Amino acid sequence: MSTKTDVTVNAEDNAALVNEKVSEIMAEEKKPNPVTVVPPSDTVVKLPCGYATFTGEVVREAEVRELTGKDEEAIARASNVGKALLSILSRGVVSIGNQRATEEMLDSLLTGDRDMLLLGIYKATFGNEAVVQGICNNCNELHDISIDLNKDLKVRPFTGSRKFTLKGKAGEIIVQLPNGFTQKELVENADKSVAELTTLLLENCVESIDDVAVVSKEQVQNLGITDRKTIAEEINKRSFGPLFEEVAVQCPKCEGEVNVPLNLGTLFRF
């Protein structure tokens, strides 16, 4: 059988040992509390189609950044939503591949890639969750709904090519998908009628009609309405990137369903 014996250290008898024990206690007290480190938001955006360089290389990665107060002031000066989004894109994209992003590079990107960049800028600035408002079909009340952009927002991949060919009444029509240059034209003319905007779209996207290169607005104006409608529909069918549409979620108050509109305007709250 063992007997436990308490040992008392006398400071006068063993001052060195006492100092050692005191130092250990003080060291314990000075240890900082554990800190939870939150990793920065991912600022790398994968481009579904990509930026085509002069050498034929396709770059599918870009870097974006968080928007600042200076950016906010500049964006607020935009006269409409379209121009505000152009400003966000211009200010928020840092680089494409290993090259610093320029307006010319951004303008050459297809609209689906540009939408992916805008979504990336939103996430870098506000995080992966967005709060949008919607009315419940059951309780008929307006609710703030939290949307997980990584889970609730669908992204359509780019599966075709930058150009496509279709047969119309006017013959074979070769069309290229809209890019940033086209988008800017449409934004600058947002006050035009739907028919005029369709002409602008086709003027920028239709490459040739029945083997004749399109070099003037008059050529797409002379197309039949059926051909014009078909071209616009085919362009829309080939859209890719974030699918901005209504998202159905469960009502936070009842068992009903809330359909919330999800687009770049509602995300950035213009």
Protein backbone atom coordinates (compact mmCIF):
# COMPACT_ATOMS: atom_id res chain seq x y z
CA MET A 1 0.00 0.00 0.00
CA SER A 2 1.34 3.44 -0.95
CA THR A 3 0.92 6.59 1.05
CA LYS A 4 0.54 10.01 -0.65
CA THR A 5 2.77 12.62 0.94
CA ASP A 6 2.27 16.39 0.37
CA VAL A 7 5.52 18.21 -0.17
CA THR A 8 5.76 21.92 0.64
CA VAL A 9 8.51 23.91 -1.00
CA ASN A 10 10.08 26.54 1.23
CA ALA A 11 11.14 29.61 -0.72
CA GLU A 12 14.10 30.17 1.53
CA ASP A 13 15.35 26.59 1.05
CA ASN A 14 14.88 26.40 -2.74
CA ALA A 15 14.41 29.83 -4.31
CA ALA A 16 15.38 28.57 -7.79
CA LEU A 17 12.61 25.96 -7.82
CA VAL A 18 10.02 28.50 -6.68
CA ASN A 19 11.03 30.94 -9.42
CA GLU A 20 10.73 28.16 -12.00
CA LYS A 21 7.20 27.26 -10.89
CA VAL A 22 6.11 30.93 -10.85
CA SER A 23 7.48 31.41 -14.39
CA GLU A 24 5.52 28.36 -15.61
CA ILE A 25 2.27 29.72 -14.15
CA MET A 26 2.81 33.16 -15.70
CA ALA A 27 3.58 31.61 -19.07
CA GLU A 28 0.29 29.68 -18.94
CA GLU A 29 -1.64 32.86 -18.18
CA LYS A 30 -0.05 34.69 -21.13
CA LYS A 31 -1.08 32.07 -23.71
CA PRO A 32 -3.55 33.70 -26.13
CA ASN A 33 -7.02 32.30 -26.58
CA PRO A 34 -7.40 30.20 -29.73
CA VAL A 35 -8.50 32.29 -32.74
CA THR A 36 -10.73 30.96 -35.51
CA VAL A 37 -9.28 32.08 -38.82
CA VAL A 38 -11.91 32.61 -41.52
CA PRO A 39 -10.42 31.99 -44.96
CA PRO A 40 -10.91 34.79 -47.50
CA SER A 41 -13.65 34.37 -50.10
CA ASP A 42 -12.58 32.61 -53.28
CA THR A 43 -11.86 35.25 -55.89
CA VAL A 44 -11.06 32.89 -58.76
CA VAL A 45 -13.83 32.53 -61.34
CA LYS A 46 -14.06 29.66 -63.81
CA LEU A 47 -15.17 30.90 -67.23
CA PRO A 48 -17.47 28.43 -69.04
CA CYS A 49 -16.31 29.51 -72.52
CA GLY A 50 -13.17 31.51 -71.82
CA TYR A 51 -11.05 34.29 -73.23
CA ALA A 52 -9.52 33.54 -76.63
CA THR A 53 -6.03 35.01 -77.03
CA PHE A 54 -4.43 36.10 -80.31
CA THR A 55 -2.42 32.88 -80.33
CA GLY A 56 -5.55 30.73 -80.16
CA GLU A 57 -5.17 29.80 -76.49
CA VAL A 58 -8.39 29.75 -74.46
CA VAL A 59 -8.03 31.06 -70.90
CA ARG A 60 -10.74 29.86 -68.52
CA GLU A 61 -9.73 31.44 -65.22
CA ALA A 62 -10.12 35.02 -64.03
CA GLU A 63 -9.61 36.82 -60.75
CA VAL A 64 -12.11 39.26 -59.24
CA ARG A 65 -12.01 41.39 -56.10
CA GLU A 66 -14.26 42.82 -53.42
CA LEU A 67 -15.91 46.13 -54.29
CA THR A 68 -14.92 49.13 -52.16
CA GLY A 69 -16.53 52.42 -51.16
CA LYS A 70 -14.91 54.15 -54.14
CA ASP A 71 -16.45 51.55 -56.42
CA GLU A 72 -19.83 52.03 -54.74
CA GLU A 73 -19.76 55.78 -55.40
CA ALA A 74 -18.84 55.26 -59.05
CA ILE A 75 -21.50 52.60 -59.55
CA ALA A 76 -24.15 54.82 -57.94
CA ARG A 77 -23.52 57.44 -60.63
CA ALA A 78 -24.69 55.06 -63.38
CA SER A 79 -27.93 56.18 -65.01
CA ASN A 80 -29.46 52.71 -65.31
CA VAL A 81 -29.01 49.11 -64.16
CA GLY A 82 -27.22 48.05 -67.32
CA LYS A 83 -24.60 50.77 -67.00
CA ALA A 84 -24.18 49.98 -63.29
CA LEU A 85 -23.41 46.35 -64.12
CA LEU A 86 -20.89 47.44 -66.76
CA SER A 87 -19.19 49.60 -64.13
CA ILE A 88 -19.10 46.71 -61.64
CA LEU A 89 -17.54 44.43 -64.24
CA SER A 90 -14.95 47.00 -65.28
CA ARG A 91 -13.91 47.74 -61.70
CA GLY A 92 -14.21 44.29 -60.13
CA VAL A 93 -12.24 42.07 -62.54
CA VAL A 94 -8.54 42.02 -61.69
CA SER A 95 -7.05 39.66 -64.26
CA ILE A 96 -7.84 37.07 -66.91
CA GLY A 97 -5.31 34.27 -66.81
CA ASN A 98 -1.96 35.88 -66.02
CA GLN A 99 -2.83 39.17 -67.75
CA ARG A 100 -4.28 42.23 -66.11
CA ALA A 101 -7.87 42.65 -67.32
CA THR A 102 -8.49 45.41 -69.87
CA GLU A 103 -11.74 46.78 -71.29
CA GLU A 104 -10.91 45.22 -74.64
CA MET A 105 -10.46 41.80 -73.06
CA LEU A 106 -13.72 42.11 -71.14
CA ASP A 107 -15.58 43.27 -74.25
CA SER A 108 -14.42 40.22 -76.18
CA LEU A 109 -15.86 37.80 -73.61
CA LEU A 110 -19.22 36.22 -74.36
CA THR A 111 -22.11 37.38 -72.19
CA GLY A 112 -22.27 34.11 -70.23
CA ASP A 113 -18.66 34.55 -69.09
CA ARG A 114 -19.37 38.17 -68.18
CA ASP A 115 -22.32 37.08 -66.04
CA MET A 116 -20.07 34.55 -64.26
CA LEU A 117 -17.62 37.35 -63.47
CA LEU A 118 -20.40 39.56 -62.09
CA LEU A 119 -21.58 36.70 -59.91
CA GLY A 120 -17.99 36.18 -58.73
CA ILE A 121 -17.69 39.87 -57.83
CA TYR A 122 -20.90 39.65 -55.82
CA LYS A 123 -19.61 36.63 -53.88
CA ALA A 124 -16.24 38.30 -53.25
CA THR A 125 -18.05 41.37 -51.90
CA PHE A 126 -21.07 39.99 -50.05
CA GLY A 127 -20.45 36.26 -49.67
CA ASN A 128 -22.22 33.20 -51.05
CA GLU A 129 -25.62 34.04 -49.55
CA ALA A 130 -28.08 36.59 -50.84
CA VAL A 131 -31.25 37.85 -49.20
CA VAL A 132 -34.08 38.56 -51.64
CA GLN A 133 -37.77 39.20 -51.14
CA GLY A 134 -40.66 37.07 -52.34
CA ILE A 135 -44.38 36.58 -51.67
CA CYS A 136 -45.56 33.23 -50.33
CA ASN A 137 -48.24 31.52 -52.43
CA ASN A 138 -49.88 30.19 -49.28
CA CYS A 139 -49.83 32.88 -46.57
CA ASN A 140 -49.61 35.68 -49.18
CA GLU A 141 -46.99 37.56 -47.14
CA LEU A 142 -43.75 39.18 -48.24
CA HIS A 143 -40.69 37.48 -46.75
CA ASP A 144 -36.93 37.96 -46.78
CA ILE A 145 -35.53 34.76 -48.23
CA SER A 146 -31.92 33.64 -47.89
CA ILE A 147 -30.51 32.10 -51.08
CA ASP A 148 -27.34 30.01 -51.19
CA LEU A 149 -25.82 31.03 -54.51
CA ASN A 150 -23.60 27.95 -54.62
CA LYS A 151 -26.55 25.57 -54.22
CA ASP A 152 -29.70 27.35 -55.40
CA LEU A 153 -28.35 29.10 -58.50
CA LYS A 154 -27.91 26.80 -61.47
CA VAL A 155 -25.11 27.33 -63.99
CA ARG A 156 -25.48 26.13 -67.57
CA PRO A 157 -22.20 24.91 -69.11
CA PHE A 158 -20.92 26.08 -72.46
CA THR A 159 -21.37 23.09 -74.77
CA GLY A 160 -21.41 24.49 -78.29
CA SER A 161 -19.23 26.91 -80.19
CA ARG A 162 -18.97 30.67 -80.50
CA LYS A 163 -20.69 30.54 -83.90
CA PHE A 164 -23.60 28.58 -85.33
CA THR A 165 -25.30 28.22 -88.70
CA LEU A 166 -29.01 28.07 -89.45
CA LYS A 167 -31.16 27.83 -92.55
CA GLY A 168 -33.54 30.73 -93.02
CA LYS A 169 -35.75 32.06 -95.75
CA ALA A 170 -32.87 34.31 -96.76
CA GLY A 171 -30.52 31.33 -97.08
CA GLU A 172 -27.71 30.13 -94.84
CA ILE A 173 -27.12 32.49 -91.92
CA ILE A 174 -23.93 32.38 -89.82
CA VAL A 175 -24.31 33.85 -86.34
CA GLN A 176 -21.80 34.50 -83.57
CA LEU A 177 -22.89 34.63 -79.93
CA PRO A 178 -23.15 38.09 -78.32
CA ASN A 179 -20.13 39.45 -76.47
CA GLY A 180 -19.33 42.49 -74.38
CA PHE A 181 -19.28 44.83 -77.38
CA THR A 182 -22.84 43.75 -78.23
CA GLN A 183 -23.91 44.07 -74.60
CA LYS A 184 -22.60 47.63 -74.41
CA GLU A 185 -24.48 48.57 -77.60
CA LEU A 186 -27.72 47.26 -76.13
CA VAL A 187 -27.15 49.02 -72.79
CA GLU A 188 -26.39 52.34 -74.52
CA ASN A 189 -29.66 52.04 -76.45
CA ALA A 190 -31.90 50.73 -73.66
CA ASP A 191 -34.53 53.37 -74.51
CA LYS A 192 -35.08 51.88 -77.98
CA SER A 193 -38.01 49.68 -78.96
CA VAL A 194 -37.79 45.88 -78.89
CA ALA A 195 -37.62 45.81 -82.70
CA GLU A 196 -34.75 48.33 -82.73
CA LEU A 197 -32.89 46.38 -80.04
CA THR A 198 -33.34 43.20 -82.08
CA THR A 199 -31.78 44.99 -85.07
CA LEU A 200 -28.83 46.03 -82.89
CA LEU A 201 -28.40 42.46 -81.65
CA LEU A 202 -28.48 41.00 -85.16
CA GLU A 203 -26.23 43.69 -86.60
CA ASN A 204 -23.57 42.71 -84.05
CA CYS A 205 -24.10 38.95 -84.17
CA VAL A 206 -25.00 37.99 -87.75
CA GLU A 207 -21.78 37.40 -89.65
CA SER A 208 -23.14 36.55 -93.07
CA ILE A 209 -26.42 35.99 -94.91
CA ASP A 210 -26.38 33.59 -97.85
CA ASP A 211 -22.56 33.93 -98.14
CA VAL A 212 -22.72 37.75 -98.09
CA ALA A 213 -20.88 39.39 -95.17
CA VAL A 214 -23.03 41.64 -92.99
CA VAL A 215 -21.48 45.10 -92.99
CA SER A 216 -24.51 47.33 -92.46
CA LYS A 217 -27.65 47.63 -90.34
CA GLU A 218 -29.78 47.65 -93.49
CA GLN A 219 -28.92 44.01 -94.22
CA VAL A 220 -30.49 42.74 -90.99
CA GLN A 221 -33.35 45.22 -91.31
CA ASN A 222 -34.16 43.65 -94.69
CA LEU A 223 -34.40 40.17 -93.18
CA GLY A 224 -37.91 38.78 -92.85
CA ILE A 225 -39.50 38.95 -89.40
CA THR A 226 -39.51 35.14 -89.19
CA ASP A 227 -35.75 34.92 -89.82
CA ARG A 228 -35.08 37.71 -87.32
CA LYS A 229 -37.18 35.99 -84.67
CA THR A 230 -35.54 32.62 -85.33
CA ILE A 231 -32.03 34.05 -85.01
CA ALA A 232 -32.87 35.79 -81.70
CA GLU A 233 -34.45 32.60 -80.34
CA GLU A 234 -31.45 30.47 -81.34
CA ILE A 235 -29.09 32.93 -79.65
CA ASN A 236 -31.19 32.69 -76.49
CA LYS A 237 -31.21 28.87 -76.62
CA ARG A 238 -27.42 28.84 -76.66
CA SER A 239 -27.06 31.07 -73.60
CA PHE A 240 -24.85 29.72 -70.83
CA GLY A 241 -23.54 30.71 -67.41
CA PRO A 242 -25.72 31.58 -64.38
CA LEU A 243 -29.41 30.89 -65.00
CA PHE A 244 -31.08 33.94 -63.54
CA GLU A 245 -34.66 32.86 -63.03
CA GLU A 246 -37.18 32.42 -60.24
CA VAL A 247 -36.08 30.12 -57.43
CA ALA A 248 -38.74 28.24 -55.44
CA VAL A 249 -38.05 27.89 -51.70
CA GLN A 250 -40.13 26.92 -48.68
CA CYS A 251 -41.81 29.75 -46.80
CA PRO A 252 -40.11 30.47 -43.45
CA LYS A 253 -43.54 30.94 -41.82
CA CYS A 254 -45.75 28.23 -43.29
CA GLU A 255 -45.56 25.20 -45.57
CA GLY A 256 -46.12 27.26 -48.69
CA GLU A 257 -43.75 27.99 -51.55
CA VAL A 258 -42.07 31.31 -52.21
CA ASN A 259 -40.93 32.14 -55.73
CA VAL A 260 -38.12 34.68 -55.54
CA PRO A 261 -36.78 36.50 -58.61
CA LEU A 262 -33.05 36.01 -58.94
CA ASN A 263 -31.06 38.22 -61.28
CA LEU A 264 -28.08 40.56 -61.15
CA GLY A 265 -30.32 43.53 -60.45
CA THR A 266 -31.91 41.95 -57.38
CA LEU A 267 -28.58 40.62 -56.16
CA PHE A 268 -26.82 44.00 -56.26
CA ARG A 269 -30.09 45.68 -55.16
CA PHE A 270 -30.42 48.29 -57.89
